Amino acid sequence: MPFLNIDAGELENEPDELYHLAHVLNIACGGHAGDEGSMRRVAEACKAHGTEAGAHPSYPDRRGFGRTSLILAAPQVERTVAEQCAALRGAAELAGIPLRFVKPHGALYHDANRSVALADAVVGAAIATLGRGFTLIGPPGGELASASARHGVGFAREGFADRGARPDGSLVPRGEPGAVVSDPDVARARAAELAAAGTYDTICVHGDTPNAVAIARAVRAALA
């Protein structure tokens, strides 16, 4: 059965229950959101709840919340991902927890999945900073999965419970009608459908989605 991953450390008022419901928390580490205080807070919550922790690096784009593609060469992407992972590693070490997952955020997630160079930059930076003992989370197929295989790290195929999908399976772009699912019952049904498909290893809920706690609670129940 797929595990539930939740993007976290992006808002100041995230409820603690959100951290408890996740199997894995993807912790924003300074690119699109997050700072030393938020990283420490979420890392401590992972330790308290027994939740696995992972890095959630992005383009260095706080103004656009990492959801706008930036024109950065692969070495620039590698450098910023390494810096973000290193910042979170420091918070994790203080909390006494390992970082066992890495998931790119937003535009970097999609851009790297289409580009061999960017995918290698993301995976290479994570390995250089965290070692090889992590699992990369990304879309089924594409360059992120290929880069993981080339570099010898684990890969988890991700689906989204709180995002609308087109008939071909692609996500409805943010800003278009139906892009975000805020009804817990709809999210639960979508999670159950994705789990039954057998092609996903993990299901995501975004911590900044309206009704995030109720959605996470419903999805966690569906995956149980």
C-alpha atoms as a PDB file:
ATOM      1  CA  MET A   1       0.000   0.000   0.000  1.00  0.00           C
ATOM      2  CA  PRO A   2       1.373   3.488  -0.819  1.00  0.00           C
ATOM      3  CA  PHE A   3       2.606   5.711   1.992  1.00  0.00           C
ATOM      4  CA  LEU A   4       1.365   9.253   2.648  1.00  0.00           C
ATOM      5  CA  ASN A   5       3.823  12.078   2.100  1.00  0.00           C
ATOM      6  CA  ILE A   6       2.995  15.659   3.075  1.00  0.00           C
ATOM      7  CA  ASP A   7       4.815  18.832   2.061  1.00  0.00           C
ATOM      8  CA  ALA A   8       5.491  20.789   5.248  1.00  0.00           C
ATOM      9  CA  GLY A   9       7.389  23.653   6.810  1.00  0.00           C
ATOM     10  CA  GLU A  10       5.864  26.060   4.312  1.00  0.00           C
ATOM     11  CA  LEU A  11       3.401  27.893   6.576  1.00  0.00           C
ATOM     12  CA  GLU A  12       3.826  29.360  10.049  1.00  0.00           C
ATOM     13  CA  ASN A  13       0.534  27.970  11.359  1.00  0.00           C
ATOM     14  CA  GLU A  14       0.761  24.341  10.273  1.00  0.00           C
ATOM     15  CA  PRO A  15      -1.060  22.186  12.842  1.00  0.00           C
ATOM     16  CA  ASP A  16       0.881  19.480  14.608  1.00  0.00           C
ATOM     17  CA  GLU A  17      -1.713  16.888  13.595  1.00  0.00           C
ATOM     18  CA  LEU A  18      -0.557  17.274  10.001  1.00  0.00           C
ATOM     19  CA  TYR A  19       2.906  16.109  11.023  1.00  0.00           C
ATOM     20  CA  HIS A  20       1.469  13.145  12.906  1.00  0.00           C
ATOM     21  CA  LEU A  21      -0.707  11.966   9.995  1.00  0.00           C
ATOM     22  CA  ALA A  22       2.151  11.769   7.491  1.00  0.00           C
ATOM     23  CA  HIS A  23       4.338   8.755   6.964  1.00  0.00           C
ATOM     24  CA  VAL A  24       6.904  11.125   5.390  1.00  0.00           C
ATOM     25  CA  LEU A  25       7.239  14.898   5.747  1.00  0.00           C
ATOM     26  CA  ASN A  26       8.926  16.768   2.899  1.00  0.00           C
ATOM     27  CA  ILE A  27      10.463  19.737   4.719  1.00  0.00           C
ATOM     28  CA  ALA A  28      10.877  23.048   2.890  1.00  0.00           C
ATOM     29  CA  CYS A  29      14.509  24.024   3.270  1.00  0.00           C
ATOM     30  CA  GLY A  30      14.804  27.637   2.240  1.00  0.00           C
ATOM     31  CA  GLY A  31      14.284  27.742  -1.506  1.00  0.00           C
ATOM     32  CA  HIS A  32      10.564  28.470  -1.845  1.00  0.00           C
ATOM     33  CA  ALA A  33       9.782  28.562   1.883  1.00  0.00           C
ATOM     34  CA  GLY A  34      11.220  27.629   5.256  1.00  0.00           C
ATOM     35  CA  ASP A  35      14.000  28.920   7.470  1.00  0.00           C
ATOM     36  CA  GLU A  36      16.142  27.648  10.310  1.00  0.00           C
ATOM     37  CA  GLY A  37      13.279  27.915  12.791  1.00  0.00           C
ATOM     38  CA  SER A  38      10.718  26.099  10.672  1.00  0.00           C
ATOM     39  CA  MET A  39      13.161  23.362   9.748  1.00  0.00           C
ATOM     40  CA  ARG A  40      13.965  22.799  13.414  1.00  0.00           C
ATOM     41  CA  ARG A  41      10.252  22.780  14.310  1.00  0.00           C
ATOM     42  CA  VAL A  42       9.282  20.180  11.711  1.00  0.00           C
ATOM     43  CA  ALA A  43      12.355  18.052  12.374  1.00  0.00           C
ATOM     44  CA  GLU A  44      11.494  17.956  16.081  1.00  0.00           C
ATOM     45  CA  ALA A  45       7.914  16.994  15.183  1.00  0.00           C
ATOM     46  CA  CYS A  46       9.226  14.128  13.063  1.00  0.00           C
ATOM     47  CA  LYS A  47      11.193  12.874  16.037  1.00  0.00           C
ATOM     48  CA  ALA A  48       8.217  13.224  18.393  1.00  0.00           C
ATOM     49  CA  HIS A  49       5.774  11.423  16.095  1.00  0.00           C
ATOM     50  CA  GLY A  50       8.111   8.871  14.534  1.00  0.00           C
ATOM     51  CA  THR A  51       7.516  10.389  11.112  1.00  0.00           C
ATOM     52  CA  GLU A  52      10.146   9.990   8.407  1.00  0.00           C
ATOM     53  CA  ALA A  53      11.759  13.235   7.215  1.00  0.00           C
ATOM     54  CA  GLY A  54      12.875  14.331   3.783  1.00  0.00           C
ATOM     55  CA  ALA A  55      14.265  17.379   2.017  1.00  0.00           C
ATOM     56  CA  HIS A  56      11.989  19.473  -0.196  1.00  0.00           C
ATOM     57  CA  PRO A  57      14.363  21.660  -2.242  1.00  0.00           C
ATOM     58  CA  SER A  58      13.199  24.023  -4.957  1.00  0.00           C
ATOM     59  CA  TYR A  59      14.264  26.817  -7.201  1.00  0.00           C
ATOM     60  CA  PRO A  60      15.427  29.786  -5.054  1.00  0.00           C
ATOM     61  CA  ASP A  61      12.101  31.566  -5.530  1.00  0.00           C
ATOM     62  CA  ARG A  62      10.369  32.632  -2.343  1.00  0.00           C
ATOM     63  CA  ARG A  63       8.349  35.327  -4.109  1.00  0.00           C
ATOM     64  CA  GLY A  64       6.778  32.819  -6.495  1.00  0.00           C
ATOM     65  CA  PHE A  65       6.711  29.973  -3.954  1.00  0.00           C
ATOM     66  CA  GLY A  66       8.891  27.915  -6.284  1.00  0.00           C
ATOM     67  CA  ARG A  67       6.080  27.439  -8.770  1.00  0.00           C
ATOM     68  CA  THR A  68       7.675  29.436 -11.607  1.00  0.00           C
ATOM     69  CA  SER A  69      10.381  27.959 -13.805  1.00  0.00           C
ATOM     70  CA  LEU A  70      13.706  29.769 -13.546  1.00  0.00           C
ATOM     71  CA  ILE A  71      16.367  29.820 -16.233  1.00  0.00           C
ATOM     72  CA  LEU A  72      19.199  28.218 -14.274  1.00  0.00           C
ATOM     73  CA  ALA A  73      21.973  26.057 -15.652  1.00  0.00           C
ATOM     74  CA  ALA A  74      22.430  22.594 -14.182  1.00  0.00           C
ATOM     75  CA  PRO A  75      25.457  23.624 -12.038  1.00  0.00           C
ATOM     76  CA  GLN A  76      23.371  26.436 -10.509  1.00  0.00           C
ATOM     77  CA  VAL A  77      20.556  24.021  -9.728  1.00  0.00           C
ATOM     78  CA  GLU A  78      23.035  21.562  -8.232  1.00  0.00           C
ATOM     79  CA  ARG A  79      24.491  24.286  -6.021  1.00  0.00           C
ATOM     80  CA  THR A  80      21.155  25.564  -4.677  1.00  0.00           C
ATOM     81  CA  VAL A  81      19.806  22.050  -4.044  1.00  0.00           C
ATOM     82  CA  ALA A  82      23.007  21.145  -2.183  1.00  0.00           C
ATOM     83  CA  GLU A  83      22.775  24.307  -0.065  1.00  0.00           C
ATOM     84  CA  GLN A  84      19.148  23.615   0.834  1.00  0.00           C
ATOM     85  CA  CYS A  85      19.782  19.971   1.685  1.00  0.00           C
ATOM     86  CA  ALA A  86      22.747  20.977   3.816  1.00  0.00           C
ATOM     87  CA  ALA A  87      20.634  23.489   5.744  1.00  0.00           C
ATOM     88  CA  LEU A  88      18.025  20.838   6.502  1.00  0.00           C
ATOM     89  CA  ARG A  89      20.701  18.282   7.365  1.00  0.00           C
ATOM     90  CA  GLY A  90      21.876  20.624  10.106  1.00  0.00           C
ATOM     91  CA  ALA A  91      18.377  20.876  11.573  1.00  0.00           C
ATOM     92  CA  ALA A  92      17.911  17.112  11.318  1.00  0.00           C
ATOM     93  CA  GLU A  93      21.201  16.436  13.093  1.00  0.00           C
ATOM     94  CA  LEU A  94      20.183  18.733  15.951  1.00  0.00           C
ATOM     95  CA  ALA A  95      16.890  16.850  16.227  1.00  0.00           C
ATOM     96  CA  GLY A  96      18.655  13.498  16.030  1.00  0.00           C
ATOM     97  CA  ILE A  97      16.791  12.202  12.978  1.00  0.00           C
ATOM     98  CA  PRO A  98      17.927  10.927   9.567  1.00  0.00           C
ATOM     99  CA  LEU A  99      16.832  12.357   6.211  1.00  0.00           C
ATOM    100  CA  ARG A 100      15.651   9.385   4.185  1.00  0.00           C
ATOM    101  CA  PHE A 101      13.739  11.131   1.381  1.00  0.00           C
ATOM    102  CA  VAL A 102      14.234  13.921  -1.154  1.00  0.00           C
ATOM    103  CA  LYS A 103      11.437  15.458  -3.210  1.00  0.00           C
ATOM    104  CA  PRO A 104      11.929  18.469  -5.491  1.00  0.00           C
ATOM    105  CA  HIS A 105       9.261  21.145  -5.165  1.00  0.00           C
ATOM    106  CA  GLY A 106       7.018  22.853  -7.674  1.00  0.00           C
ATOM    107  CA  ALA A 107       8.526  23.981 -10.967  1.00  0.00           C
ATOM    108  CA  LEU A 108      11.828  22.239 -10.237  1.00  0.00           C
ATOM    109  CA  TYR A 109       9.937  18.942  -9.793  1.00  0.00           C
ATOM    110  CA  HIS A 110       8.431  19.234 -13.269  1.00  0.00           C
ATOM    111  CA  ASP A 111      11.426  20.806 -15.019  1.00  0.00           C
ATOM    112  CA  ALA A 112      13.852  18.194 -13.688  1.00  0.00           C
ATOM    113  CA  ASN A 113      11.508  15.423 -14.755  1.00  0.00           C
ATOM    114  CA  ARG A 114      11.806  16.657 -18.350  1.00  0.00           C
ATOM    115  CA  SER A 115      15.550  17.380 -18.351  1.00  0.00           C
ATOM    116  CA  VAL A 116      18.377  14.866 -18.031  1.00  0.00           C
ATOM    117  CA  ALA A 117      20.787  17.600 -16.925  1.00  0.00           C
ATOM    118  CA  LEU A 118      18.501  19.023 -14.239  1.00  0.00           C
ATOM    119  CA  ALA A 119      17.523  15.575 -12.972  1.00  0.00           C
ATOM    120  CA  ASP A 120      21.187  14.629 -12.630  1.00  0.00           C
ATOM    121  CA  ALA A 121      21.845  17.961 -10.883  1.00  0.00           C
ATOM    122  CA  VAL A 122      19.105  17.344  -8.313  1.00  0.00           C
ATOM    123  CA  VAL A 123      20.105  13.757  -7.596  1.00  0.00           C
ATOM    124  CA  GLY A 124      23.817  14.520  -7.638  1.00  0.00           C
ATOM    125  CA  ALA A 125      23.431  17.409  -5.188  1.00  0.00           C
ATOM    126  CA  ALA A 126      21.366  15.268  -2.826  1.00  0.00           C
ATOM    127  CA  ILE A 127      23.934  12.463  -2.902  1.00  0.00           C
ATOM    128  CA  ALA A 128      26.805  14.867  -2.315  1.00  0.00           C
ATOM    129  CA  THR A 129      25.037  16.319   0.727  1.00  0.00           C
ATOM    130  CA  LEU A 130      23.114  13.384   2.196  1.00  0.00           C
ATOM    131  CA  GLY A 131      24.842  10.282   0.864  1.00  0.00           C
ATOM    132  CA  ARG A 132      23.002   7.523  -1.003  1.00  0.00           C
ATOM    133  CA  GLY A 133      20.690   6.400   1.776  1.00  0.00           C
ATOM    134  CA  PHE A 134      17.653   8.325   0.560  1.00  0.00           C
ATOM    135  CA  THR A 135      14.690   7.653  -1.715  1.00  0.00           C
ATOM    136  CA  LEU A 136      13.807  10.247  -4.334  1.00  0.00           C
ATOM    137  CA  ILE A 137      10.096  11.005  -4.708  1.00  0.00           C
ATOM    138  CA  GLY A 138       8.885  11.949  -8.178  1.00  0.00           C
ATOM    139  CA  PRO A 139       6.483  11.224 -11.034  1.00  0.00           C
ATOM    140  CA  PRO A 140       6.204   7.712 -12.472  1.00  0.00           C
ATOM    141  CA  GLY A 141       8.523   7.608 -15.466  1.00  0.00           C
ATOM    142  CA  GLY A 142      10.519  10.573 -16.670  1.00  0.00           C
ATOM    143  CA  GLU A 143      14.022  11.824 -16.016  1.00  0.00           C
ATOM    144  CA  LEU A 144      13.926  11.866 -12.217  1.00  0.00           C
ATOM    145  CA  ALA A 145      13.253   8.133 -12.149  1.00  0.00           C
ATOM    146  CA  SER A 146      15.993   7.564 -14.720  1.00  0.00           C
ATOM    147  CA  ALA A 147      18.498   9.685 -12.790  1.00  0.00           C
ATOM    148  CA  SER A 148      17.743   7.753  -9.608  1.00  0.00           C
ATOM    149  CA  ALA A 149      18.476   4.499 -11.393  1.00  0.00           C
ATOM    150  CA  ARG A 150      21.705   5.855 -12.898  1.00  0.00           C
ATOM    151  CA  HIS A 151      22.954   7.111  -9.544  1.00  0.00           C
ATOM    152  CA  GLY A 152      21.893   4.056  -7.561  1.00  0.00           C
ATOM    153  CA  VAL A 153      19.331   5.606  -5.217  1.00  0.00           C
ATOM    154  CA  GLY A 154      15.781   4.500  -4.464  1.00  0.00           C
ATOM    155  CA  PHE A 155      12.796   6.002  -6.224  1.00  0.00           C
ATOM    156  CA  ALA A 156       9.139   6.291  -5.117  1.00  0.00           C
ATOM    157  CA  ARG A 157       6.463   6.932  -7.756  1.00  0.00           C
ATOM    158  CA  GLU A 158       4.132   9.700  -6.596  1.00  0.00           C
ATOM    159  CA  GLY A 159       0.450  10.462  -7.111  1.00  0.00           C
ATOM    160  CA  PHE A 160      -1.545  13.396  -5.715  1.00  0.00           C
ATOM    161  CA  ALA A 161      -4.740  13.137  -3.673  1.00  0.00           C
ATOM    162  CA  ASP A 162      -5.409  16.882  -3.530  1.00  0.00           C
ATOM    163  CA  ARG A 163      -4.785  17.763  -7.168  1.00  0.00           C
ATOM    164  CA  GLY A 164      -7.169  17.361 -10.082  1.00  0.00           C
ATOM    165  CA  ALA A 165      -6.113  15.226 -13.038  1.00  0.00           C
ATOM    166  CA  ARG A 166      -6.866  15.229 -16.744  1.00  0.00           C
ATOM    167  CA  PRO A 167      -8.040  12.094 -18.582  1.00  0.00           C
ATOM    168  CA  ASP A 168      -4.438  11.379 -19.630  1.00  0.00           C
ATOM    169  CA  GLY A 169      -3.365  11.402 -15.991  1.00  0.00           C
ATOM    170  CA  SER A 170      -1.515  14.730 -16.078  1.00  0.00           C
ATOM    171  CA  LEU A 171      -2.264  17.286 -13.368  1.00  0.00           C
ATOM    172  CA  VAL A 172      -4.611  20.168 -14.025  1.00  0.00           C
ATOM    173  CA  PRO A 173      -2.310  23.244 -13.929  1.00  0.00           C
ATOM    174  CA  ARG A 174      -2.679  25.447 -10.865  1.00  0.00           C
ATOM    175  CA  GLY A 175      -4.897  28.421 -11.591  1.00  0.00           C
ATOM    176  CA  GLU A 176      -7.274  26.408 -13.761  1.00  0.00           C
ATOM    177  CA  PRO A 177     -10.658  25.181 -12.489  1.00  0.00           C
ATOM    178  CA  GLY A 178     -10.401  21.829 -10.726  1.00  0.00           C
ATOM    179  CA  ALA A 179      -6.651  22.064 -10.130  1.00  0.00           C
ATOM    180  CA  VAL A 180      -6.909  21.765  -6.339  1.00  0.00           C
ATOM    181  CA  VAL A 181      -9.052  19.238  -4.472  1.00  0.00           C
ATOM    182  CA  SER A 182     -10.211  20.651  -1.147  1.00  0.00           C
ATOM    183  CA  ASP A 183     -13.029  18.170  -0.380  1.00  0.00           C
ATOM    184  CA  PRO A 184     -11.732  15.396   1.923  1.00  0.00           C
ATOM    185  CA  ASP A 185     -14.193  12.857   0.516  1.00  0.00           C
ATOM    186  CA  VAL A 186     -13.054  13.531  -3.038  1.00  0.00           C
ATOM    187  CA  ALA A 187      -9.412  13.335  -1.970  1.00  0.00           C
ATOM    188  CA  ARG A 188     -10.039  10.061  -0.167  1.00  0.00           C
ATOM    189  CA  ALA A 189     -11.682   8.549  -3.252  1.00  0.00           C
ATOM    190  CA  ARG A 190      -8.825   9.750  -5.435  1.00  0.00           C
ATOM    191  CA  ALA A 191      -6.240   8.280  -3.050  1.00  0.00           C
ATOM    192  CA  ALA A 192      -8.053   4.943  -3.018  1.00  0.00           C
ATOM    193  CA  GLU A 193      -8.144   4.945  -6.819  1.00  0.00           C
ATOM    194  CA  LEU A 194      -4.439   5.724  -7.088  1.00  0.00           C
ATOM    195  CA  ALA A 195      -3.584   3.041  -4.537  1.00  0.00           C
ATOM    196  CA  ALA A 196      -5.677   0.447  -6.347  1.00  0.00           C
ATOM    197  CA  ALA A 197      -3.901   1.208  -9.632  1.00  0.00           C
ATOM    198  CA  GLY A 198      -0.726  -0.361  -8.253  1.00  0.00           C
ATOM    199  CA  THR A 199       1.529   2.114 -10.076  1.00  0.00           C
ATOM    200  CA  TYR A 200       2.187   4.497  -7.186  1.00  0.00           C
ATOM    201  CA  ASP A 201       4.416   4.046  -4.164  1.00  0.00           C
ATOM    202  CA  THR A 202       3.333   7.203  -2.360  1.00  0.00           C
ATOM    203  CA  ILE A 203       0.414   9.639  -2.307  1.00  0.00           C
ATOM    204  CA  CYS A 204       0.944  13.346  -1.613  1.00  0.00           C
ATOM    205  CA  VAL A 205      -1.109  15.896   0.272  1.00  0.00           C
ATOM    206  CA  HIS A 206       0.106  19.501   0.199  1.00  0.00           C
ATOM    207  CA  GLY A 207       0.266  21.193   3.582  1.00  0.00           C
ATOM    208  CA  ASP A 208      -1.001  24.463   2.086  1.00  0.00           C
ATOM    209  CA  THR A 209      -4.133  22.975   0.507  1.00  0.00           C
ATOM    210  CA  PRO A 210      -7.389  24.227   2.072  1.00  0.00           C
ATOM    211  CA  ASN A 211      -8.660  21.614   4.578  1.00  0.00           C
ATOM    212  CA  ALA A 212      -5.218  19.988   4.555  1.00  0.00           C
ATOM    213  CA  VAL A 213      -5.643  18.267   7.921  1.00  0.00           C
ATOM    214  CA  ALA A 214      -9.053  16.837   7.068  1.00  0.00           C
ATOM    215  CA  ILE A 215      -7.754  15.732   3.674  1.00  0.00           C
ATOM    216  CA  ALA A 216      -4.678  14.105   5.196  1.00  0.00           C
ATOM    217  CA  ARG A 217      -6.859  12.330   7.744  1.00  0.00           C
ATOM    218  CA  ALA A 218      -9.130  11.003   4.976  1.00  0.00           C
ATOM    219  CA  VAL A 219      -6.245   9.923   2.775  1.00  0.00           C
ATOM    220  CA  ARG A 220      -4.441   8.224   5.642  1.00  0.00           C
ATOM    221  CA  ALA A 221      -7.624   6.244   6.343  1.00  0.00           C
ATOM    222  CA  ALA A 222      -7.942   5.291   2.680  1.00  0.00           C
ATOM    223  CA  LEU A 223      -4.355   4.045   2.594  1.00  0.00           C
ATOM    224  CA  ALA A 224      -4.843   2.025   5.773  1.00  0.00           C
END
